[in-house]
Amino acid sequence: GNKLTSLPPLAGAGSLSLLDAAQNSLAGIPTLPRGIATVRLGGNCLEAVSKENLSGMVAVTELDISQNRIASLPPQSPALLSSLTILRASDNWIASLDFLTGGG
């Protein structure tokens, strides 16, 4: 990895299909292009994933947020991640999987 603490908004990078920013020091998720399919953010310093973060991930099929400090995901996650087939969220602080069924 590198030592990145942030990324610029990437919404304008329309042809980007994979973002691998794993093993950095990222504290937040940048704005992503709507067509992005794979997002790898494992091994960072993420403490939260918001509804706003997920709203730009409608085409994401693989999301890796493992090895962070995330305690929960928004209850809207299933609807916002409707294309998701692979979720890696191990080694976080998640105490409940209620978000998978739309619960809080």
Protein backbone atom coordinates (compact mmCIF):
# COMPACT_ATOMS: atom_id res chain seq x y z
CA GLY A 1 0.00 0.00 0.00
CA ASN A 2 0.79 3.65 0.02
CA LYS A 3 0.21 6.29 2.65
CA LEU A 4 -2.78 8.05 1.13
CA THR A 5 -5.04 9.74 3.66
CA SER A 6 -7.66 10.86 1.12
CA LEU A 7 -8.63 10.55 -2.53
CA PRO A 8 -10.10 13.26 -4.76
CA PRO A 9 -13.70 12.90 -5.95
CA LEU A 10 -13.62 10.34 -8.76
CA ALA A 11 -17.16 10.82 -10.08
CA GLY A 12 -15.79 12.36 -13.30
CA ALA A 13 -13.69 9.26 -14.07
CA GLY A 14 -16.56 7.66 -15.98
CA SER A 15 -14.56 4.81 -17.52
CA LEU A 16 -13.05 3.69 -14.20
CA SER A 17 -14.28 0.17 -13.42
CA LEU A 18 -11.95 -0.81 -10.55
CA LEU A 19 -10.58 1.21 -7.64
CA ASP A 20 -7.94 -0.50 -5.53
CA ALA A 21 -6.92 1.82 -2.70
CA ALA A 22 -6.33 -0.92 -0.15
CA GLN A 23 -3.64 -0.73 2.53
CA ASN A 24 -3.53 3.04 2.87
CA SER A 25 -4.61 5.45 5.61
CA LEU A 26 -7.89 6.57 4.06
CA ALA A 27 -10.39 7.98 6.54
CA GLY A 28 -13.20 8.51 4.02
CA ILE A 29 -14.66 7.15 0.80
CA PRO A 30 -14.43 9.46 -2.24
CA THR A 31 -17.30 10.15 -4.61
CA LEU A 32 -17.14 7.36 -7.16
CA PRO A 33 -18.24 7.08 -10.80
CA ARG A 34 -21.65 5.46 -11.10
CA GLY A 35 -20.38 2.68 -13.38
CA ILE A 36 -17.59 1.44 -11.13
CA ALA A 37 -17.80 -2.34 -10.55
CA THR A 38 -15.06 -3.16 -8.02
CA VAL A 39 -14.06 -1.10 -4.97
CA ARG A 40 -11.22 -2.30 -2.75
CA LEU A 41 -10.74 -0.24 0.39
CA GLY A 42 -9.52 -2.91 2.79
CA GLY A 43 -6.81 -2.10 5.31
CA ASN A 44 -7.54 1.60 5.75
CA CYS A 45 -8.83 3.77 8.60
CA LEU A 46 -12.50 3.91 7.60
CA GLU A 47 -14.79 4.32 10.60
CA ALA A 48 -18.07 4.74 8.76
CA VAL A 49 -19.81 4.04 5.48
CA SER A 50 -22.69 6.43 4.89
CA LYS A 51 -25.81 6.23 2.75
CA GLU A 52 -24.21 8.94 0.60
CA ASN A 53 -21.09 6.80 0.10
CA LEU A 54 -23.19 3.87 -1.04
CA SER A 55 -25.54 5.86 -3.27
CA GLY A 56 -22.81 6.13 -5.89
CA MET A 57 -22.17 2.38 -5.89
CA VAL A 58 -25.22 1.15 -7.81
CA ALA A 59 -23.08 -0.87 -10.26
CA VAL A 60 -20.61 -2.23 -7.70
CA THR A 61 -20.47 -6.02 -7.75
CA GLU A 62 -17.47 -6.40 -5.40
CA LEU A 63 -16.88 -4.24 -2.31
CA ASP A 64 -13.94 -4.84 0.03
CA ILE A 65 -14.05 -2.79 3.22
CA SER A 66 -12.26 -5.36 5.38
CA GLN A 67 -9.66 -4.46 7.99
CA ASN A 68 -11.05 -1.06 8.86
CA ARG A 69 -12.83 0.37 11.93
CA ILE A 70 -16.39 0.24 10.63
CA ALA A 71 -19.03 -0.37 13.31
CA SER A 72 -22.12 -0.57 11.08
CA LEU A 73 -23.48 -0.08 7.60
CA PRO A 74 -26.60 1.93 6.74
CA PRO A 75 -29.91 0.03 6.78
CA GLN A 76 -30.40 1.09 3.15
CA SER A 77 -27.33 -0.94 2.10
CA PRO A 78 -29.18 -3.77 0.28
CA ALA A 79 -31.18 -1.34 -1.86
CA LEU A 80 -28.20 0.89 -2.60
CA LEU A 81 -25.92 -2.05 -3.39
CA SER A 82 -28.39 -3.90 -5.58
CA SER A 83 -25.68 -5.25 -7.94
CA LEU A 84 -23.42 -6.45 -5.12
CA THR A 85 -22.38 -10.11 -5.24
CA ILE A 86 -19.24 -10.00 -3.04
CA LEU A 87 -18.94 -8.08 0.24
CA ARG A 88 -15.76 -8.38 2.26
CA ALA A 89 -16.22 -6.73 5.65
CA SER A 90 -14.10 -8.91 7.93
CA ASP A 91 -11.88 -7.49 10.67
CA ASN A 92 -14.09 -4.51 11.45
CA TRP A 93 -16.09 -3.53 14.53
CA ILE A 94 -19.46 -4.63 13.09
CA ALA A 95 -21.64 -6.04 15.88
CA SER A 96 -24.81 -6.79 13.89
CA LEU A 97 -25.70 -7.89 10.38
CA ASP A 98 -29.15 -6.26 10.50
CA PHE A 99 -28.15 -3.97 7.64
CA LEU A 100 -28.22 -6.98 5.28
CA THR A 101 -32.00 -7.23 5.66
CA GLY A 102 -32.68 -3.51 5.73
CA GLY A 103 -32.84 -3.30 9.53
CA GLY A 104 -30.90 -0.81 11.68
